[in-house]
């Protein structure tokens, strides 16, 4: 699985490739704790189902993908943060 919860940092980290099977896990974790931050620094691929979860849940992203192409495709999430 490419999803890991870093409890000390209160962060959800996506590692390598987030596939369709990970979408439900990401959704459940963010639904259970909407204040979890998101670390995409080691993400290399994000299945569209996972992207849809992120668009819906709008987590606070604390680290963006190192891959410039992937960052470009995900950067729109930066402007979609929840108002508190």
Protein backbone atom coordinates (compact mmCIF):
# COMPACT_ATOMS: atom_id res chain seq x y z
CA UNK A 1 0.00 0.00 0.00
CA UNK A 2 1.25 3.46 -0.81
CA UNK A 3 -0.56 5.27 2.00
CA UNK A 4 1.01 5.75 5.41
CA UNK A 5 -0.14 7.73 8.45
CA UNK A 6 2.65 9.53 10.27
CA UNK A 7 1.04 9.88 13.69
CA UNK A 8 3.67 12.16 15.23
CA UNK A 9 3.35 14.65 12.35
CA UNK A 10 -0.43 14.15 12.09
CA UNK A 11 0.12 13.59 8.38
CA UNK A 12 -1.08 11.24 5.68
CA UNK A 13 1.80 10.41 3.35
CA UNK A 14 1.37 9.04 -0.17
CA UNK A 15 4.42 7.09 -1.29
CA UNK A 16 5.28 6.11 -4.87
CA UNK A 17 2.08 5.26 -6.77
CA UNK A 18 -1.40 5.80 -5.36
CA UNK A 19 -3.61 3.38 -7.27
CA UNK A 20 -7.36 2.92 -7.43
CA UNK A 21 -7.26 0.58 -4.43
CA UNK A 22 -5.83 3.41 -2.30
CA UNK A 23 -8.71 5.83 -2.93
CA UNK A 24 -11.01 4.22 -0.37
CA UNK A 25 -8.24 4.15 2.25
CA UNK A 26 -7.39 7.82 1.67
CA UNK A 27 -11.08 8.74 1.86
CA UNK A 28 -11.66 6.80 5.07
CA UNK A 29 -8.57 8.25 6.77
CA UNK A 30 -9.45 11.83 5.83
CA UNK A 31 -13.09 11.31 6.75
CA UNK A 32 -12.11 9.90 10.14
CA UNK A 33 -9.68 12.78 10.77
CA UNK A 34 -10.26 15.76 8.41
CA UNK A 35 -7.40 17.66 10.06
CA UNK A 36 -4.77 15.21 8.75
CA UNK A 37 -2.23 17.01 6.60
CA UNK A 38 -1.10 15.50 3.32
CA UNK A 39 2.50 14.81 2.28
CA UNK A 40 2.93 14.16 -1.44
CA UNK A 41 6.73 14.57 -1.50
CA UNK A 42 7.34 10.93 -2.47
CA UNK A 43 4.28 10.56 -4.71
CA UNK A 44 5.12 9.65 -8.31
CA UNK A 45 1.65 8.80 -9.63
CA UNK A 46 -1.86 9.55 -8.39
CA UNK A 47 -4.77 7.58 -9.85
CA UNK A 48 -7.71 9.81 -10.79
CA UNK A 49 -9.87 8.14 -8.13
CA UNK A 50 -7.36 9.30 -5.49
CA UNK A 51 -7.32 12.76 -7.04
CA UNK A 52 -11.11 12.91 -6.78
CA UNK A 53 -10.89 12.07 -3.07
CA UNK A 54 -8.38 14.88 -2.56
CA UNK A 55 -10.59 17.30 -4.49
CA UNK A 56 -13.53 16.34 -2.28
CA UNK A 57 -11.76 16.30 1.09
CA UNK A 58 -9.37 19.24 0.42
CA UNK A 59 -6.67 18.31 2.94
CA UNK A 60 -3.92 20.74 3.90
CA UNK A 61 -0.96 19.80 1.70
CA UNK A 62 2.33 20.23 3.56
CA UNK A 63 4.66 18.75 0.93
CA UNK A 64 4.22 18.68 -2.83
CA UNK A 65 5.56 16.06 -5.28
CA UNK A 66 9.18 16.49 -6.28
CA UNK A 67 8.25 15.61 -9.86
CA UNK A 68 7.56 18.95 -11.57
CA UNK A 69 5.10 17.44 -14.03
CA UNK A 70 3.01 15.85 -11.30
CA UNK A 71 3.17 19.04 -9.24
CA UNK A 72 1.90 20.99 -12.24
CA UNK A 73 -1.12 18.70 -12.54
CA UNK A 74 -1.86 18.86 -8.80
CA UNK A 75 -1.09 22.52 -8.12
CA UNK A 76 -4.73 23.51 -8.60
CA UNK A 77 -5.41 21.77 -5.26
CA UNK A 78 -3.38 24.53 -3.62
CA UNK A 79 -6.17 27.03 -4.30
CA UNK A 80 -9.00 24.73 -3.22
CA UNK A 81 -8.33 24.55 0.53
CA UNK A 82 -11.25 24.51 2.93
CA UNK A 83 -12.23 27.70 4.66
CA UNK A 84 -12.36 27.24 8.43
